[in-house]
Amino acid sequence: MKAKKQHLEKIRNSIKTSPLSEDEKSDSMKRVEEWALEDKAFGLLEAELLEISEYFETLFGELGLSK
């Protein structure tokens, strides 16, 4: 999780210092924030499903979504 946050921070910093227009920077930052929220939501969903059954660990592994 910490690595993901570091990667997102690097992306944010790269956007801020890029030669993109202010509109492009704003749009890019919004998308990064959306990705971060989606990633967090999936993490919460994954944890809840894993509490229900170990089957989901196998399923996530088959889908390439395991940690």
C-alpha atoms as a PDB file:
ATOM      1  CA  MET A   1       0.000   0.000   0.000  1.00  0.00           C
ATOM      2  CA  LYS A   2       2.837   2.344   0.862  1.00  0.00           C
ATOM      3  CA  ALA A   3       4.450   1.718  -2.531  1.00  0.00           C
ATOM      4  CA  LYS A   4       1.197   2.607  -4.296  1.00  0.00           C
ATOM      5  CA  LYS A   5       1.021   5.901  -2.397  1.00  0.00           C
ATOM      6  CA  GLN A   6       4.617   6.677  -3.343  1.00  0.00           C
ATOM      7  CA  HIS A   7       3.889   5.929  -6.998  1.00  0.00           C
ATOM      8  CA  LEU A   8       0.824   8.167  -6.944  1.00  0.00           C
ATOM      9  CA  GLU A   9       2.834  10.955  -5.330  1.00  0.00           C
ATOM     10  CA  LYS A  10       5.506  10.655  -8.039  1.00  0.00           C
ATOM     11  CA  ILE A  11       2.802  10.855 -10.709  1.00  0.00           C
ATOM     12  CA  ARG A  12       1.260  13.912  -9.035  1.00  0.00           C
ATOM     13  CA  ASN A  13       4.643  15.651  -8.815  1.00  0.00           C
ATOM     14  CA  SER A  14       5.399  14.829 -12.438  1.00  0.00           C
ATOM     15  CA  ILE A  15       2.096  16.318 -13.519  1.00  0.00           C
ATOM     16  CA  LYS A  16       2.717  19.491 -11.495  1.00  0.00           C
ATOM     17  CA  THR A  17       6.126  20.059 -13.100  1.00  0.00           C
ATOM     18  CA  SER A  18       5.162  18.953 -16.610  1.00  0.00           C
ATOM     19  CA  PRO A  19       4.866  21.232 -19.636  1.00  0.00           C
ATOM     20  CA  LEU A  20       1.134  20.480 -19.814  1.00  0.00           C
ATOM     21  CA  SER A  21      -1.363  23.325 -19.922  1.00  0.00           C
ATOM     22  CA  GLU A  22      -3.179  24.154 -16.683  1.00  0.00           C
ATOM     23  CA  ASP A  23      -6.338  22.508 -18.040  1.00  0.00           C
ATOM     24  CA  GLU A  24      -4.405  19.347 -18.924  1.00  0.00           C
ATOM     25  CA  LYS A  25      -2.766  19.325 -15.502  1.00  0.00           C
ATOM     26  CA  SER A  26      -6.119  19.756 -13.781  1.00  0.00           C
ATOM     27  CA  ASP A  27      -7.710  16.970 -15.837  1.00  0.00           C
ATOM     28  CA  SER A  28      -4.745  14.676 -15.196  1.00  0.00           C
ATOM     29  CA  MET A  29      -4.834  15.298 -11.446  1.00  0.00           C
ATOM     30  CA  LYS A  30      -8.577  14.549 -11.366  1.00  0.00           C
ATOM     31  CA  ARG A  31      -7.951  11.229 -13.112  1.00  0.00           C
ATOM     32  CA  VAL A  32      -5.158  10.313 -10.697  1.00  0.00           C
ATOM     33  CA  GLU A  33      -7.467  11.043  -7.765  1.00  0.00           C
ATOM     34  CA  GLU A  34     -10.192   8.893  -9.349  1.00  0.00           C
ATOM     35  CA  TRP A  35      -7.713   6.028  -9.754  1.00  0.00           C
ATOM     36  CA  ALA A  36      -6.647   6.372  -6.131  1.00  0.00           C
ATOM     37  CA  LEU A  37     -10.257   6.208  -4.940  1.00  0.00           C
ATOM     38  CA  GLU A  38     -11.021   3.217  -7.170  1.00  0.00           C
ATOM     39  CA  ASP A  39      -7.921   1.433  -5.912  1.00  0.00           C
ATOM     40  CA  LYS A  40      -8.894   2.114  -2.300  1.00  0.00           C
ATOM     41  CA  ALA A  41     -12.456   0.941  -2.944  1.00  0.00           C
ATOM     42  CA  PHE A  42     -11.221  -2.285  -4.514  1.00  0.00           C
ATOM     43  CA  GLY A  43      -8.921  -2.871  -1.552  1.00  0.00           C
ATOM     44  CA  LEU A  44     -11.855  -2.544   0.831  1.00  0.00           C
ATOM     45  CA  LEU A  45     -14.028  -4.826  -1.296  1.00  0.00           C
ATOM     46  CA  GLU A  46     -11.225  -7.374  -1.572  1.00  0.00           C
ATOM     47  CA  ALA A  47     -10.739  -7.451   2.203  1.00  0.00           C
ATOM     48  CA  GLU A  48     -14.457  -7.929   2.803  1.00  0.00           C
ATOM     49  CA  LEU A  49     -14.708 -10.750   0.261  1.00  0.00           C
ATOM     50  CA  LEU A  50     -11.646 -12.489   1.683  1.00  0.00           C
ATOM     51  CA  GLU A  51     -13.300 -12.450   5.103  1.00  0.00           C
ATOM     52  CA  ILE A  52     -16.277 -14.270   3.595  1.00  0.00           C
ATOM     53  CA  SER A  53     -14.355 -17.032   1.835  1.00  0.00           C
ATOM     54  CA  GLU A  54     -10.856 -18.131   0.865  1.00  0.00           C
ATOM     55  CA  TYR A  55     -12.329 -18.856  -2.567  1.00  0.00           C
ATOM     56  CA  PHE A  56     -11.881 -15.191  -3.417  1.00  0.00           C
ATOM     57  CA  GLU A  57      -8.137 -15.418  -2.818  1.00  0.00           C
ATOM     58  CA  THR A  58      -7.953 -18.088  -5.512  1.00  0.00           C
ATOM     59  CA  LEU A  59     -10.226 -16.112  -7.809  1.00  0.00           C
ATOM     60  CA  PHE A  60      -8.215 -12.909  -7.401  1.00  0.00           C
ATOM     61  CA  GLY A  61      -5.041 -14.884  -8.082  1.00  0.00           C
ATOM     62  CA  GLU A  62      -6.493 -16.318 -11.295  1.00  0.00           C
ATOM     63  CA  LEU A  63      -7.469 -12.805 -12.365  1.00  0.00           C
ATOM     64  CA  GLY A  64      -4.004 -11.470 -11.576  1.00  0.00           C
ATOM     65  CA  LEU A  65      -5.371  -9.276  -8.809  1.00  0.00           C
ATOM     66  CA  SER A  66      -3.702 -10.879  -5.818  1.00  0.00           C
ATOM     67  CA  LYS A  67      -1.142  -8.996  -3.776  1.00  0.00           C
END
